[in-house]
Amino acid sequence: MQKLYECRDRLQAQMLLDALAAHHIHTVILGDYLSGAAGELSAIQFPVLWVVEDGDYLLARQLIDRYLGEPPSDRLPWRCGCCGEMVEATFDICWNCSTPRD
């Protein structure tokens, strides 16, 4: 198990976990409830995403970098290969069936 990414909050951690799960990469979130006790701790802790299988680390790192990067402005809407739904260019996952963009 390797530390992959320190998230800004629980919402970002869950979105990244879900995005990686769509690529069959098993991750876990540790420390996600420590930020709620920030007033009682000397240092604020943020949720940390860990990749379970060491062999998945490099791909997971690349996917997170791509996911967190700004989408190119010249992208066009795309049609989902699974359900045929048209999806706006800013989305990398089909809103209808949760299939990742090809």
N, C-alpha and C. Protein backbone atom coordinates (compact mmCIF):
# COMPACT_ATOMS: atom_id res chain seq x y z
N MET A 1 0.86 -1.17 0.00
CA MET A 1 0.00 0.00 0.00
C MET A 1 0.90 1.23 0.00
N GLN A 2 0.59 2.21 -0.87
CA GLN A 2 1.40 3.42 -0.97
C GLN A 2 0.52 4.66 -0.89
N LYS A 3 1.06 5.70 -0.24
CA LYS A 3 0.37 6.98 -0.18
C LYS A 3 0.33 7.57 -1.58
N LEU A 4 -0.86 7.96 -2.02
CA LEU A 4 -1.04 8.44 -3.38
C LEU A 4 -1.25 9.95 -3.44
N TYR A 5 -2.17 10.48 -2.60
CA TYR A 5 -2.51 11.90 -2.73
C TYR A 5 -3.17 12.40 -1.45
N GLU A 6 -2.74 13.57 -0.97
CA GLU A 6 -3.39 14.21 0.17
C GLU A 6 -4.46 15.15 -0.37
N CYS A 7 -5.69 14.88 -0.04
CA CYS A 7 -6.84 15.61 -0.58
C CYS A 7 -7.16 16.84 0.26
N ARG A 8 -7.87 17.78 -0.33
CA ARG A 8 -8.22 19.00 0.40
C ARG A 8 -9.42 18.79 1.32
N ASP A 9 -10.29 17.79 1.00
CA ASP A 9 -11.44 17.50 1.84
C ASP A 9 -11.99 16.12 1.50
N ARG A 10 -13.00 15.69 2.24
CA ARG A 10 -13.60 14.36 2.06
C ARG A 10 -14.25 14.24 0.69
N LEU A 11 -14.84 15.29 0.18
CA LEU A 11 -15.50 15.25 -1.12
C LEU A 11 -14.50 14.97 -2.23
N GLN A 12 -13.37 15.68 -2.24
CA GLN A 12 -12.36 15.43 -3.26
C GLN A 12 -11.81 14.01 -3.14
N ALA A 13 -11.59 13.56 -1.92
CA ALA A 13 -11.08 12.20 -1.71
C ALA A 13 -12.03 11.16 -2.30
N GLN A 14 -13.32 11.34 -2.07
CA GLN A 14 -14.29 10.37 -2.58
C GLN A 14 -14.38 10.43 -4.10
N MET A 15 -14.31 11.63 -4.68
CA MET A 15 -14.36 11.75 -6.15
C MET A 15 -13.16 11.06 -6.78
N LEU A 16 -11.98 11.23 -6.19
CA LEU A 16 -10.79 10.57 -6.74
C LEU A 16 -10.87 9.06 -6.56
N LEU A 17 -11.36 8.61 -5.41
CA LEU A 17 -11.53 7.18 -5.17
C LEU A 17 -12.46 6.59 -6.22
N ASP A 18 -13.57 7.27 -6.49
CA ASP A 18 -14.53 6.78 -7.49
C ASP A 18 -13.94 6.78 -8.89
N ALA A 19 -13.18 7.81 -9.24
CA ALA A 19 -12.56 7.89 -10.57
C ALA A 19 -11.56 6.75 -10.76
N LEU A 20 -10.78 6.45 -9.72
CA LEU A 20 -9.82 5.36 -9.83
C LEU A 20 -10.52 4.00 -9.84
N ALA A 21 -11.60 3.87 -9.11
CA ALA A 21 -12.36 2.62 -9.11
C ALA A 21 -12.91 2.31 -10.50
N ALA A 22 -13.24 3.35 -11.26
CA ALA A 22 -13.73 3.17 -12.63
C ALA A 22 -12.66 2.54 -13.52
N HIS A 23 -11.40 2.67 -13.10
CA HIS A 23 -10.28 2.06 -13.82
C HIS A 23 -9.77 0.80 -13.10
N HIS A 24 -10.58 0.27 -12.20
CA HIS A 24 -10.30 -0.95 -11.45
C HIS A 24 -9.03 -0.84 -10.59
N ILE A 25 -8.83 0.35 -10.02
CA ILE A 25 -7.72 0.57 -9.11
C ILE A 25 -8.30 0.70 -7.70
N HIS A 26 -7.90 -0.21 -6.82
CA HIS A 26 -8.43 -0.23 -5.45
C HIS A 26 -7.67 0.76 -4.59
N THR A 27 -8.39 1.73 -4.03
CA THR A 27 -7.80 2.72 -3.14
C THR A 27 -8.63 2.81 -1.86
N VAL A 28 -8.02 3.37 -0.82
CA VAL A 28 -8.73 3.60 0.44
C VAL A 28 -8.41 5.03 0.89
N ILE A 29 -9.33 5.58 1.67
CA ILE A 29 -9.16 6.91 2.24
C ILE A 29 -8.86 6.74 3.73
N LEU A 30 -7.75 7.31 4.16
CA LEU A 30 -7.39 7.26 5.58
C LEU A 30 -7.32 8.68 6.12
N GLY A 31 -7.72 8.86 7.36
CA GLY A 31 -7.66 10.16 8.00
C GLY A 31 -8.77 11.10 7.59
N ASP A 32 -9.85 10.57 7.02
CA ASP A 32 -10.90 11.44 6.51
C ASP A 32 -11.73 12.12 7.59
N TYR A 33 -11.71 11.62 8.79
CA TYR A 33 -12.50 12.25 9.85
C TYR A 33 -11.66 13.09 10.81
N LEU A 34 -10.36 13.11 10.61
CA LEU A 34 -9.49 13.88 11.51
C LEU A 34 -9.64 15.38 11.33
N SER A 35 -10.01 15.83 10.13
CA SER A 35 -10.13 17.27 9.90
C SER A 35 -11.29 17.87 10.71
N GLY A 36 -12.26 17.05 11.11
CA GLY A 36 -13.36 17.54 11.93
C GLY A 36 -12.92 17.89 13.33
N ALA A 37 -11.79 17.37 13.76
CA ALA A 37 -11.28 17.64 15.11
C ALA A 37 -10.17 18.68 15.07
N ALA A 38 -10.14 19.49 14.02
CA ALA A 38 -9.04 20.43 13.82
C ALA A 38 -8.86 21.38 15.00
N GLY A 39 -9.93 21.74 15.68
CA GLY A 39 -9.81 22.64 16.81
C GLY A 39 -9.14 22.01 18.01
N GLU A 40 -9.06 20.69 18.04
CA GLU A 40 -8.49 19.99 19.17
C GLU A 40 -7.11 19.40 18.87
N LEU A 41 -6.69 19.49 17.62
CA LEU A 41 -5.39 18.93 17.23
C LEU A 41 -4.41 20.05 16.97
N SER A 42 -3.13 19.76 17.14
CA SER A 42 -2.12 20.77 16.90
C SER A 42 -1.92 21.05 15.42
N ALA A 43 -2.16 20.08 14.57
CA ALA A 43 -2.02 20.26 13.12
C ALA A 43 -3.25 19.69 12.43
N ILE A 44 -3.69 20.37 11.41
CA ILE A 44 -4.87 19.90 10.67
C ILE A 44 -4.48 18.72 9.79
N GLN A 45 -5.25 17.67 9.85
CA GLN A 45 -5.03 16.49 9.02
C GLN A 45 -6.06 16.47 7.90
N PHE A 46 -5.63 16.15 6.70
CA PHE A 46 -6.52 16.06 5.56
C PHE A 46 -6.64 14.61 5.14
N PRO A 47 -7.74 14.24 4.48
CA PRO A 47 -7.89 12.86 4.01
C PRO A 47 -6.76 12.50 3.04
N VAL A 48 -6.25 11.30 3.17
CA VAL A 48 -5.18 10.83 2.30
C VAL A 48 -5.67 9.60 1.54
N LEU A 49 -5.45 9.62 0.23
CA LEU A 49 -5.82 8.51 -0.64
C LEU A 49 -4.62 7.58 -0.77
N TRP A 50 -4.83 6.32 -0.49
CA TRP A 50 -3.78 5.30 -0.58
C TRP A 50 -4.17 4.28 -1.64
N VAL A 51 -3.21 3.89 -2.48
CA VAL A 51 -3.45 2.82 -3.45
C VAL A 51 -3.06 1.50 -2.78
N VAL A 52 -3.93 0.51 -2.88
CA VAL A 52 -3.75 -0.75 -2.16
C VAL A 52 -2.67 -1.61 -2.81
N GLU A 53 -2.73 -1.78 -4.11
CA GLU A 53 -1.76 -2.61 -4.83
C GLU A 53 -0.62 -1.74 -5.32
N ASP A 54 0.60 -2.05 -4.90
CA ASP A 54 1.77 -1.25 -5.30
C ASP A 54 1.92 -1.17 -6.81
N GLY A 55 1.55 -2.21 -7.52
CA GLY A 55 1.66 -2.24 -8.98
C GLY A 55 0.74 -1.25 -9.68
N ASP A 56 -0.28 -0.76 -8.99
CA ASP A 56 -1.22 0.20 -9.57
C ASP A 56 -0.81 1.64 -9.34
N TYR A 57 0.26 1.85 -8.59
CA TYR A 57 0.62 3.22 -8.17
C TYR A 57 0.88 4.16 -9.35
N LEU A 58 1.71 3.76 -10.30
CA LEU A 58 2.07 4.66 -11.41
C LEU A 58 0.85 5.05 -12.24
N LEU A 59 0.01 4.07 -12.57
CA LEU A 59 -1.19 4.38 -13.34
C LEU A 59 -2.13 5.28 -12.53
N ALA A 60 -2.28 5.00 -11.25
CA ALA A 60 -3.14 5.81 -10.39
C ALA A 60 -2.63 7.25 -10.33
N ARG A 61 -1.32 7.42 -10.22
CA ARG A 61 -0.72 8.75 -10.18
C ARG A 61 -0.99 9.51 -11.48
N GLN A 62 -0.85 8.84 -12.61
CA GLN A 62 -1.12 9.46 -13.91
C GLN A 62 -2.59 9.85 -14.03
N LEU A 63 -3.48 8.98 -13.58
CA LEU A 63 -4.92 9.27 -13.67
C LEU A 63 -5.29 10.45 -12.78
N ILE A 64 -4.73 10.52 -11.58
CA ILE A 64 -5.01 11.65 -10.69
C ILE A 64 -4.49 12.95 -11.29
N ASP A 65 -3.28 12.92 -11.83
CA ASP A 65 -2.73 14.12 -12.46
C ASP A 65 -3.62 14.59 -13.60
N ARG A 66 -4.09 13.65 -14.40
CA ARG A 66 -4.98 14.00 -15.52
C ARG A 66 -6.33 14.49 -15.01
N TYR A 67 -6.86 13.83 -13.98
CA TYR A 67 -8.16 14.19 -13.43
C TYR A 67 -8.14 15.59 -12.82
N LEU A 68 -7.06 15.93 -12.12
CA LEU A 68 -6.98 17.22 -11.45
C LEU A 68 -6.53 18.35 -12.37
N GLY A 69 -5.99 18.01 -13.53
CA GLY A 69 -5.55 19.02 -14.49
C GLY A 69 -6.73 19.72 -15.14
N GLU A 70 -6.47 20.90 -15.67
CA GLU A 70 -7.51 21.64 -16.37
C GLU A 70 -7.83 20.96 -17.70
N PRO A 71 -9.10 20.75 -18.00
CA PRO A 71 -9.44 20.14 -19.29
C PRO A 71 -9.13 21.11 -20.43
N PRO A 72 -8.61 20.59 -21.53
CA PRO A 72 -8.34 21.47 -22.68
C PRO A 72 -9.63 22.13 -23.15
N SER A 73 -9.55 23.42 -23.48
CA SER A 73 -10.75 24.16 -23.88
C SER A 73 -11.25 23.80 -25.26
N ASP A 74 -10.43 23.11 -26.06
CA ASP A 74 -10.84 22.77 -27.42
C ASP A 74 -11.54 21.41 -27.51
N ARG A 75 -11.84 20.79 -26.38
CA ARG A 75 -12.52 19.49 -26.38
C ARG A 75 -13.96 19.66 -26.81
N LEU A 76 -14.48 18.63 -27.44
CA LEU A 76 -15.85 18.64 -27.94
C LEU A 76 -16.70 17.67 -27.12
N PRO A 77 -18.02 17.85 -27.16
CA PRO A 77 -18.89 16.86 -26.52
C PRO A 77 -18.61 15.48 -27.11
N TRP A 78 -18.87 14.44 -26.33
CA TRP A 78 -18.58 13.08 -26.79
C TRP A 78 -19.76 12.17 -26.54
N ARG A 79 -19.83 11.09 -27.32
CA ARG A 79 -20.91 10.12 -27.18
C ARG A 79 -20.39 8.92 -26.40
N CYS A 80 -21.11 8.53 -25.37
CA CYS A 80 -20.73 7.40 -24.54
C CYS A 80 -20.77 6.11 -25.36
N GLY A 81 -19.69 5.33 -25.30
CA GLY A 81 -19.61 4.08 -26.04
C GLY A 81 -20.48 2.99 -25.46
N CYS A 82 -20.94 3.17 -24.23
CA CYS A 82 -21.76 2.14 -23.58
C CYS A 82 -23.26 2.38 -23.79
N CYS A 83 -23.74 3.60 -23.48
CA CYS A 83 -25.18 3.86 -23.55
C CYS A 83 -25.57 4.78 -24.70
N GLY A 84 -24.59 5.41 -25.38
CA GLY A 84 -24.90 6.27 -26.51
C GLY A 84 -25.29 7.69 -26.15
N GLU A 85 -25.24 8.06 -24.86
CA GLU A 85 -25.63 9.39 -24.41
C GLU A 85 -24.59 10.43 -24.82
N MET A 86 -25.03 11.62 -25.22
CA MET A 86 -24.12 12.72 -25.49
C MET A 86 -23.73 13.35 -24.15
N VAL A 87 -22.42 13.57 -23.96
CA VAL A 87 -21.89 14.08 -22.70
C VAL A 87 -21.07 15.34 -23.00
N GLU A 88 -21.23 16.36 -22.16
CA GLU A 88 -20.49 17.60 -22.35
C GLU A 88 -18.99 17.36 -22.28
N ALA A 89 -18.24 18.19 -22.97
CA ALA A 89 -16.79 18.02 -23.10
C ALA A 89 -16.06 18.06 -21.77
N THR A 90 -16.58 18.78 -20.79
CA THR A 90 -15.88 18.93 -19.51
C THR A 90 -15.94 17.67 -18.65
N PHE A 91 -16.80 16.72 -19.01
CA PHE A 91 -16.94 15.50 -18.22
C PHE A 91 -16.13 14.36 -18.83
N ASP A 92 -15.46 13.59 -17.96
CA ASP A 92 -14.71 12.42 -18.39
C ASP A 92 -15.43 11.12 -18.08
N ILE A 93 -16.58 11.23 -17.42
CA ILE A 93 -17.39 10.06 -17.09
C ILE A 93 -18.83 10.35 -17.52
N CYS A 94 -19.46 9.39 -18.15
CA CYS A 94 -20.84 9.55 -18.62
C CYS A 94 -21.76 9.77 -17.41
N TRP A 95 -22.56 10.82 -17.48
CA TRP A 95 -23.48 11.12 -16.37
C TRP A 95 -24.60 10.10 -16.29
N ASN A 96 -24.89 9.42 -17.39
CA ASN A 96 -26.02 8.48 -17.44
C ASN A 96 -25.66 7.09 -16.90
N CYS A 97 -24.48 6.57 -17.28
CA CYS A 97 -24.15 5.18 -16.91
C CYS A 97 -22.80 5.05 -16.20
N SER A 98 -22.10 6.16 -15.97
CA SER A 98 -20.82 6.19 -15.25
C SER A 98 -19.66 5.50 -15.98
N THR A 99 -19.78 5.38 -17.29
CA THR A 99 -18.69 4.81 -18.08
C THR A 99 -17.65 5.89 -18.35
N PRO A 100 -16.36 5.58 -18.14
CA PRO A 100 -15.32 6.58 -18.43
C PRO A 100 -15.22 6.88 -19.93
N ARG A 101 -14.77 8.08 -20.24
CA ARG A 101 -14.54 8.50 -21.62
C ARG A 101 -13.48 7.60 -22.24
N ASP A 102 -13.64 7.26 -23.50
CA ASP A 102 -12.66 6.41 -24.21
C ASP A 102 -11.37 7.13 -24.44
